[in-house]
Structures are given as C-alpha cells and as structure tokens.
Amino acid sequence: MKKKILITTGGTGGHIFPMLGLHDYLISNNYEVFFVSDLRAKKYLNNQILSKTKILNVNSPFNVKGIFKVFTIGNLLYSIIVSFFFLIKNRPHLVIGSGGYASFPILIASILLNVKYVLYETNSIIGKTNKFFYFFCKKLLLGYDNKEFLSEKYRSKSFYVGQILRSSFLNKNYTKINNDQKTILIMGGSQGSEFFNKVIPKIFNEIKDINLSFKIYHQCRENDLNTTKDMYSSQHKVEVFNFKNNIEEIMKKSDLAITRSGSSSIAEMINLHLPFIAIPLPNSLDNHQFYNAKYYSDKNCCWLIRQQDFSFESFKKLIIDIFSSSKKELNNKIFSIKQIKEINPIKNFEKEILEYLE
C-alpha cells in the first residue's frame, strides 16, 4: 500500500516551489501526496496536483483590523473544521508543514487527530507558524545550516537538510548559455517589486551614458508590466514579465541578478552559480530576508545592500565596477558559489521522515 503524505504550505512562490520539488520526488518514489494551501497557490499548481489539493480561504488575523478581523478568525475556524474532515477522509501517514498561514488549520487538525507531522523551514529565521507548532512536531527540518540563529529551545528537534529545489532546477547543466550581451535578471518578487520598478530602471538609464548596454529581464507584478517597461530607455534590450515557468533558462543566460532575498529564489541562483545583488525586503517577517542573504554574503557569494542604506550613485558605481573589463568581482563571487558543498536536500529530507512512514 502506498504511504500517504500531506504537504501544507503558504501560497506564495517561495513557499510553493520547494514543496513542488518535494511533491514530484515523492510521487516518483511511489508515495501518494496531497496538498493543502491557500488561493494564491492555484497559479502554480497544474490540474493533476489541484485534483488532490484542498485550497483554504484563510489569512492571518494579524494582517487585518476592525470587523474584518472577526471574519478572518471565522474563516480560520471554518478552515480548521474543513481540515479536520480532510484528514479523516484521506488519512495521511505524515503531514509536512512548510510555513505560511495556510498551514495553521491543517496542523491544528493534525494535533486534534494525533496525526504525526514534521516542519520544514526554508528561511534562515523560523517563521511564526513553525514556531507555534514546533513543540508538537516530530522534527524541524532546516533549509539553512545555521543553528546558531536558533534559540536553545528550538534546537533539540532541528536537523539540517538543505534547500529543496523545484524539479526544473535538478540535474541542470551549470554551463552558462553563450551570450555576448551583458545580461541582468531583476526579481522584485510579489511583495517587494515597487521599489525595484521605480529605482532600478533609472539607474540603468544613467549607465547608458558610459556606453554600457544590457539585456535586462525584469520581473514584476502583472499590473506593473507596461509602466515598468516604459521606465527603461531604448539603450537596453528589456523584457518585462510577471511569471515564467522556465525561469531557470533566464538565470542561465544571466551574468548577474538583482533580487529580493526569498529563500527559494536565492537557493535557485546558487544552484545555477548565478551571482546576485540582494536587496532584502525591509519589512519581511523577523527580517528573515536579510538573514537569508547574509548567510550567502558571509560566504562571499553575493553583494548585500539594505534598502534603507540604498544609494543611487553607489549602486550605479557597483554595477559599473562589476562589469568592468576584467569582471574580477563577478568571477570571485562565482568561485565562492562553486565552493559551497553540494548536498542532496530531497534525499536528506526523505531520510529524516522515513521512520514516521513505517
């Protein structure tokens, strides 16, 4: 009989992508897998996965005020009831929680029904949901090898497994796609693209005066596609997009990325040996984006700039220096990335959960 595993996670790309990679691996190894997430996840899930997915209409009550908080708490209670019956119907042998508020109802139901669960934290700082459920879980599996960030009470059940990547990034050739044009990928993410959209194009428009031209791939929200495109001068070849299934192919074409510091995005860049300038989202929960980037900055794999310290002229100079004739700094970053010890996160993950599937 197939072992049943239920994966629950938030609906952002940063939450969904690692869990899709885990899903594909588990399916290929004869597990039966179910998903629980929120409405945002629908854009990332194909019909086959959606057929075994419970979508919850749930949000954090801490993000709303007044009468809307009452409705949000009501939705949360309703989602717990729905999750309760979803677990009874599907009877998973193990639940895997990967953070995000959508995980809250199913993990509460798991406790009520005495269903075993493990937690997976992709960020360098433990999120609120994983903190809340830590004391009831079997294990906390970590994407970052930095237990020093954990307080003593979170260490006893914590095990490093590494950053799980989506399937499209596995078994990829690291060889950079030949491209004579200097190519840059800009990723502001779903939450933090406004700053990138307004500031980054202006910087590159000024760089044109010194005869540096670029091929630029700029990711932004769908509503901002036209305005962002119009911000760039004709000096540069610019492609603006909201979401691409083949983002790994763009990464392989790129010499440099300018990005926020979501854990899955920068793990994918490290996997493809792409140096990046990290500008963490300043209001990320517990400042986790800063610590995600700092982990790699300390290893000389990226440049780290706090948004509050951002300087137009300094950033322009940095871009010019990076693409100087020798590209010394860029090559140093690539060398440092290549020194990171390669592991197999999915195999590590499976090894840690096998005892709960017997």
Protein backbone atom coordinates (compact mmCIF):
# COMPACT_ATOMS: atom_id res chain seq x y z
CA MET A 1 0.00 0.00 0.00
CA LYS A 2 1.25 3.45 -0.89
CA LYS A 3 2.25 5.65 2.01
CA LYS A 4 0.20 8.85 2.10
CA ILE A 5 1.84 12.23 2.73
CA LEU A 6 0.06 15.55 3.04
CA ILE A 7 2.05 18.72 2.28
CA THR A 8 0.72 22.02 3.61
CA THR A 9 2.29 25.38 2.83
CA GLY A 10 1.61 29.03 2.07
CA GLY A 11 0.54 30.08 -1.41
CA THR A 12 3.45 32.30 -2.46
CA GLY A 13 6.01 31.06 -4.97
CA GLY A 14 8.65 30.98 -2.24
CA HIS A 15 6.54 28.53 -0.24
CA ILE A 16 5.15 26.51 -3.14
CA PHE A 17 8.24 25.92 -5.30
CA PRO A 18 10.28 23.84 -2.81
CA MET A 19 7.20 21.81 -1.95
CA LEU A 20 6.50 21.15 -5.63
CA GLY A 21 10.02 19.76 -5.89
CA LEU A 22 9.34 17.54 -2.88
CA HIS A 23 5.96 16.53 -4.31
CA ASP A 24 7.50 15.44 -7.63
CA TYR A 25 10.16 13.38 -5.87
CA LEU A 26 7.68 11.66 -3.56
CA ILE A 27 5.32 10.85 -6.44
CA SER A 28 8.19 9.37 -8.46
CA ASN A 29 9.04 7.17 -5.46
CA ASN A 30 5.55 5.71 -5.16
CA TYR A 31 4.15 7.88 -2.37
CA GLU A 32 0.61 9.25 -2.57
CA VAL A 33 0.73 13.02 -2.00
CA PHE A 34 -1.93 15.59 -1.11
CA PHE A 35 -1.58 19.37 -0.95
CA VAL A 36 -3.18 22.00 1.28
CA SER A 37 -2.55 25.68 0.56
CA ASP A 38 -4.36 28.99 0.03
CA LEU A 39 -5.90 30.67 -3.00
CA ARG A 40 -2.61 32.14 -4.24
CA ALA A 41 -1.25 28.65 -4.89
CA LYS A 42 -3.64 27.95 -7.78
CA LYS A 43 -1.46 29.78 -10.31
CA TYR A 44 1.45 27.44 -9.57
CA LEU A 45 -0.35 24.07 -9.48
CA ASN A 46 -1.28 22.02 -12.53
CA ASN A 47 -4.63 20.27 -12.82
CA GLN A 48 -3.27 16.92 -11.72
CA ILE A 49 -1.95 18.36 -8.45
CA LEU A 50 -5.06 20.51 -7.96
CA SER A 51 -7.22 17.38 -8.07
CA LYS A 52 -5.53 16.31 -4.83
CA THR A 53 -5.34 19.76 -3.26
CA LYS A 54 -7.51 21.42 -0.65
CA ILE A 55 -7.50 25.19 -1.15
CA LEU A 56 -8.29 27.12 2.02
CA ASN A 57 -9.58 30.69 2.04
CA VAL A 58 -7.58 31.72 5.07
CA ASN A 59 -5.47 34.75 6.00
CA SER A 60 -3.60 35.86 9.09
CA PRO A 61 -5.90 37.73 11.52
CA PHE A 62 -2.88 39.88 12.42
CA ASN A 63 -2.93 41.47 8.95
CA VAL A 64 -6.45 42.93 9.25
CA LYS A 65 -8.24 45.28 11.62
CA GLY A 66 -11.73 46.04 12.85
CA ILE A 67 -14.69 44.00 11.70
CA PHE A 68 -12.55 42.25 9.07
CA LYS A 69 -10.58 40.56 11.88
CA VAL A 70 -13.81 38.86 13.00
CA PHE A 71 -14.40 37.47 9.51
CA THR A 72 -10.77 36.34 9.25
CA ILE A 73 -10.95 34.49 12.56
CA GLY A 74 -14.25 32.97 11.42
CA ASN A 75 -12.59 31.75 8.21
CA LEU A 76 -9.76 30.30 10.25
CA LEU A 77 -12.13 28.33 12.49
CA TYR A 78 -14.06 27.11 9.45
CA SER A 79 -10.77 26.08 7.78
CA ILE A 80 -9.82 24.06 10.85
CA ILE A 81 -13.11 22.16 10.60
CA VAL A 82 -12.59 21.60 6.85
CA SER A 83 -9.03 20.40 7.53
CA PHE A 84 -10.29 18.07 10.26
CA PHE A 85 -12.57 16.24 7.84
CA PHE A 86 -9.98 16.37 5.03
CA LEU A 87 -7.56 14.48 7.27
CA ILE A 88 -10.21 11.95 8.28
CA LYS A 89 -11.11 11.34 4.64
CA ASN A 90 -7.53 10.93 3.33
CA ARG A 91 -5.80 9.52 6.43
CA PRO A 92 -2.19 10.55 5.67
CA HIS A 93 0.61 8.72 7.42
CA LEU A 94 2.51 12.01 7.79
CA VAL A 95 1.85 15.73 7.40
CA ILE A 96 4.66 18.05 6.24
CA GLY A 97 4.18 21.71 7.21
CA SER A 98 6.27 24.31 5.41
CA GLY A 99 5.08 27.54 6.98
CA GLY A 100 2.62 30.11 5.78
CA TYR A 101 -0.70 30.79 7.42
CA ALA A 102 -2.46 28.19 5.25
CA SER A 103 -0.58 25.54 7.25
CA PHE A 104 -2.18 26.60 10.51
CA PRO A 105 -5.61 24.88 10.15
CA ILE A 106 -4.27 21.54 8.94
CA LEU A 107 -1.63 21.40 11.68
CA ILE A 108 -4.22 22.17 14.35
CA ALA A 109 -6.36 19.37 12.93
CA SER A 110 -3.31 17.08 12.92
CA ILE A 111 -2.82 17.67 16.64
CA LEU A 112 -6.51 17.02 17.36
CA LEU A 113 -6.42 13.76 15.39
CA ASN A 114 -2.97 12.72 16.62
CA VAL A 115 -1.53 12.67 13.09
CA LYS A 116 2.28 12.83 13.02
CA TYR A 117 3.83 15.87 11.37
CA VAL A 118 7.23 17.39 10.65
CA LEU A 119 8.02 21.01 9.84
CA TYR A 120 10.29 22.38 7.13
CA GLU A 121 11.75 25.89 7.41
CA THR A 122 13.23 27.27 4.21
CA ASN A 123 14.25 30.62 5.71
CA SER A 124 17.19 31.33 7.98
CA ILE A 125 14.77 32.54 10.68
CA ILE A 126 11.92 30.33 11.87
CA GLY A 127 8.53 31.68 10.79
CA LYS A 128 5.63 32.28 13.18
CA THR A 129 3.65 29.21 12.12
CA ASN A 130 6.61 26.87 12.51
CA LYS A 131 7.46 28.42 15.88
CA PHE A 132 3.88 27.89 17.07
CA PHE A 133 3.82 24.21 16.13
CA TYR A 134 7.44 23.33 16.94
CA PHE A 135 6.73 21.82 20.35
CA PHE A 136 4.17 19.38 18.95
CA CYS A 137 6.11 18.32 15.83
CA LYS A 138 8.35 15.28 15.40
CA LYS A 139 11.16 17.24 13.73
CA LEU A 140 12.01 20.66 12.37
CA LEU A 141 13.97 20.30 9.12
CA LEU A 142 16.11 23.27 8.14
CA GLY A 143 16.97 24.74 4.75
CA TYR A 144 19.90 26.72 6.21
CA ASP A 145 22.84 25.21 8.06
CA ASN A 146 22.91 27.84 10.79
CA LYS A 147 21.59 26.56 14.08
CA GLU A 148 23.28 29.47 15.80
CA PHE A 149 20.28 31.55 14.74
CA LEU A 150 18.03 29.20 16.71
CA SER A 151 17.39 29.80 20.38
CA GLU A 152 18.20 26.83 22.61
CA LYS A 153 14.56 25.75 22.84
CA TYR A 154 14.35 25.22 19.05
CA ARG A 155 17.48 23.10 18.63
CA SER A 156 16.68 19.69 20.10
CA LYS A 157 14.43 18.54 17.24
CA SER A 158 16.11 20.52 14.44
CA PHE A 159 18.02 18.88 11.58
CA TYR A 160 19.69 20.47 8.57
CA VAL A 161 18.60 19.02 5.20
CA GLY A 162 19.23 21.90 2.76
CA GLN A 163 17.17 23.88 0.29
CA ILE A 164 14.78 21.77 -1.77
CA LEU A 165 14.54 22.97 -5.38
CA ARG A 166 11.73 22.54 -7.85
CA SER A 167 12.23 19.75 -10.36
CA SER A 168 13.14 22.04 -13.26
CA PHE A 169 16.36 23.01 -11.42
CA LEU A 170 17.52 19.45 -10.79
CA ASN A 171 20.15 17.79 -12.99
CA LYS A 172 20.80 21.09 -14.75
CA ASN A 173 23.97 21.81 -16.65
CA TYR A 174 25.79 24.69 -14.95
CA THR A 175 27.33 25.89 -18.22
CA LYS A 176 26.34 29.47 -18.90
CA ILE A 177 24.42 29.94 -22.12
CA ASN A 178 26.71 31.80 -24.52
CA ASN A 179 25.66 35.40 -24.69
CA ASP A 180 27.89 38.29 -25.74
CA GLN A 181 25.46 40.83 -24.29
CA LYS A 182 25.77 41.68 -20.61
CA THR A 183 22.59 40.18 -19.15
CA ILE A 184 20.86 41.00 -15.89
CA LEU A 185 17.85 39.42 -14.21
CA ILE A 186 15.82 41.64 -11.86
CA MET A 187 13.38 39.97 -9.47
CA GLY A 188 11.39 42.07 -7.03
CA GLY A 189 9.05 39.28 -6.00
CA SER A 190 5.31 39.56 -5.45
CA GLN A 191 5.63 41.70 -2.33
CA GLY A 192 8.57 43.95 -2.98
CA SER A 193 8.67 44.87 -6.65
CA GLU A 194 7.52 48.51 -6.39
CA PHE A 195 10.89 49.78 -5.18
CA PHE A 196 12.68 47.83 -7.93
CA ASN A 197 10.28 49.07 -10.61
CA LYS A 198 10.80 52.73 -9.75
CA VAL A 199 14.52 52.83 -8.94
CA ILE A 200 16.36 50.17 -10.94
CA PRO A 201 15.36 51.37 -14.45
CA LYS A 202 16.52 54.93 -13.66
CA ILE A 203 19.94 53.62 -12.65
CA PHE A 204 20.39 51.66 -15.85
CA ASN A 205 19.20 54.62 -17.91
CA GLU A 206 22.07 56.66 -16.47
CA ILE A 207 24.58 53.89 -17.08
CA LYS A 208 23.87 54.23 -20.82
CA ASP A 209 25.94 57.42 -20.82
CA ILE A 210 29.14 55.41 -20.39
CA ASN A 211 28.36 53.02 -23.25
CA LEU A 212 27.35 50.04 -21.17
CA SER A 213 24.27 48.36 -22.62
CA PHE A 214 22.45 45.39 -21.17
CA LYS A 215 19.90 42.75 -21.90
CA ILE A 216 17.54 43.05 -18.92
CA TYR A 217 14.89 40.60 -17.77
CA HIS A 218 12.71 42.39 -15.23
CA GLN A 219 10.11 40.51 -13.19
CA CYS A 220 7.26 42.49 -11.65
CA ARG A 221 3.57 42.30 -10.81
CA GLU A 222 1.17 41.91 -13.71
CA ASN A 223 -0.39 45.34 -13.16
CA ASP A 224 3.03 46.98 -13.44
CA LEU A 225 4.21 45.40 -16.70
CA ASN A 226 3.60 48.35 -19.01
CA THR A 227 4.71 51.12 -16.65
CA THR A 228 7.91 49.26 -15.77
CA LYS A 229 8.74 48.64 -19.43
CA ASP A 230 8.23 52.35 -20.18
CA MET A 231 10.69 53.32 -17.46
CA TYR A 232 13.64 51.96 -19.45
CA SER A 233 15.41 53.84 -22.21
CA SER A 234 15.90 52.29 -25.65
CA GLN A 235 19.63 51.85 -24.89
CA HIS A 236 18.88 48.50 -23.27
CA LYS A 237 17.03 45.44 -24.51
CA VAL A 238 14.36 44.85 -21.90
CA GLU A 239 11.88 42.03 -21.37
CA VAL A 240 9.36 42.59 -18.59
CA PHE A 241 7.40 39.64 -17.25
CA ASN A 242 5.23 38.56 -14.33
CA PHE A 243 5.87 34.83 -14.12
CA LYS A 244 7.82 32.33 -16.20
CA ASN A 245 7.79 28.56 -15.85
CA ASN A 246 11.29 28.40 -17.35
CA ILE A 247 12.97 30.98 -15.12
CA GLU A 248 15.98 28.66 -14.85
CA GLU A 249 16.72 29.25 -18.54
CA ILE A 250 16.78 33.01 -17.97
CA MET A 251 19.06 32.52 -14.96
CA LYS A 252 21.45 30.53 -17.14
CA LYS A 253 21.58 33.40 -19.64
CA SER A 254 22.24 35.98 -16.93
CA ASP A 255 25.56 37.28 -15.65
CA LEU A 256 24.04 38.87 -12.56
CA ALA A 257 20.74 39.02 -10.68
CA ILE A 258 19.33 41.89 -8.64
CA THR A 259 16.84 40.37 -6.27
CA ARG A 260 14.95 40.29 -3.01
CA SER A 261 16.02 37.50 -0.67
CA GLY A 262 13.30 34.89 -0.62
CA SER A 263 14.90 31.59 0.32
CA SER A 264 13.81 29.62 -2.74
CA SER A 265 14.87 32.31 -5.24
CA ILE A 266 18.39 32.69 -3.93
CA ALA A 267 18.78 28.92 -3.48
CA GLU A 268 17.95 28.54 -7.18
CA MET A 269 20.54 31.17 -8.09
CA ILE A 270 23.18 29.44 -6.00
CA ASN A 271 22.26 26.15 -7.67
CA LEU A 272 22.92 27.68 -11.12
CA HIS A 273 26.07 29.55 -9.99
CA LEU A 274 24.46 32.96 -10.61
CA PRO A 275 25.95 35.81 -8.52
CA PHE A 276 23.41 38.29 -7.21
CA ILE A 277 22.94 41.62 -5.51
CA ALA A 278 20.50 41.08 -2.64
CA ILE A 279 18.27 43.94 -1.50
CA PRO A 280 16.13 42.27 1.18
CA LEU A 281 12.51 43.26 1.65
CA PRO A 282 12.80 45.67 4.60
CA ASN A 283 9.51 44.63 6.24
CA SER A 284 9.91 40.86 5.87
CA LEU A 285 8.77 38.98 8.96
CA ASP A 286 11.52 38.89 11.61
CA ASN A 287 13.80 40.42 8.94
CA HIS A 288 14.28 36.89 7.57
CA GLN A 289 15.16 38.10 4.06
CA PHE A 290 18.16 39.99 5.42
CA TYR A 291 19.43 36.89 7.22
CA ASN A 292 18.80 34.71 4.15
CA ALA A 293 21.07 36.99 2.13
CA LYS A 294 23.61 37.47 4.92
CA TYR A 295 24.17 33.72 5.01
CA TYR A 296 25.48 33.87 1.43
CA SER A 297 27.09 37.30 1.76
CA ASP A 298 29.24 35.94 4.58
CA LYS A 299 30.41 33.26 2.15
CA ASN A 300 31.25 35.96 -0.48
CA CYS A 301 28.59 34.64 -2.87
CA CYS A 302 26.63 37.88 -3.25
CA TRP A 303 26.50 41.59 -2.55
CA LEU A 304 24.13 42.59 0.26
CA ILE A 305 22.52 46.05 0.42
CA ARG A 306 19.85 47.06 2.92
CA GLN A 307 17.11 49.06 1.22
CA GLN A 308 17.34 51.74 3.92
CA ASP A 309 21.04 52.14 3.05
CA PHE A 310 20.46 52.17 -0.70
CA SER A 311 22.29 54.94 -2.57
CA PHE A 312 21.53 55.71 -6.21
CA GLU A 313 25.10 56.73 -7.04
CA SER A 314 26.74 53.94 -5.06
CA PHE A 315 24.57 51.32 -6.73
CA LYS A 316 25.32 52.70 -10.17
CA LYS A 317 29.04 52.59 -9.38
CA LEU A 318 28.69 49.00 -8.17
CA ILE A 319 27.09 47.90 -11.45
CA ILE A 320 29.82 49.67 -13.44
CA ASP A 321 32.56 48.09 -11.30
CA ILE A 322 31.03 44.62 -11.61
CA PHE A 323 31.04 44.86 -15.39
CA SER A 324 34.46 46.36 -15.74
CA SER A 325 36.64 44.77 -18.40
CA SER A 326 38.14 42.17 -16.07
CA LYS A 327 34.88 41.23 -14.26
CA LYS A 328 37.13 40.33 -11.32
CA GLU A 329 34.48 40.75 -8.60
CA LEU A 330 31.88 38.85 -10.59
CA ASN A 331 34.26 35.95 -11.11
CA ASN A 332 35.21 35.97 -7.42
CA LYS A 333 31.55 35.54 -6.49
CA ILE A 334 31.15 32.67 -8.95
CA PHE A 335 34.25 31.00 -7.50
CA SER A 336 32.84 31.31 -3.96
CA ILE A 337 29.47 29.87 -5.01
CA LYS A 338 31.23 26.87 -6.51
CA GLN A 339 32.95 26.22 -3.17
CA ILE A 340 29.64 25.59 -1.40
CA LYS A 341 29.43 21.90 -0.59
CA GLU A 342 26.77 20.24 -2.72
CA ILE A 343 24.24 18.08 -0.90
CA ASN A 344 21.04 16.30 -1.87
CA PRO A 345 18.28 18.04 0.12
CA ILE A 346 15.41 15.81 -1.02
CA LYS A 347 17.32 12.63 -0.14
CA ASN A 348 18.21 14.18 3.22
CA PHE A 349 14.57 15.10 3.75
CA GLU A 350 13.34 11.61 2.91
CA LYS A 351 15.92 10.08 5.25
CA GLU A 352 14.63 12.22 8.13
CA ILE A 353 10.96 11.26 7.63
CA LEU A 354 11.27 7.54 6.83
CA GLU A 355 10.90 6.47 10.47
CA TYR A 356 7.42 8.04 10.55
CA LEU A 357 6.26 6.17 7.45
CA GLU A 358 6.94 2.62 8.66
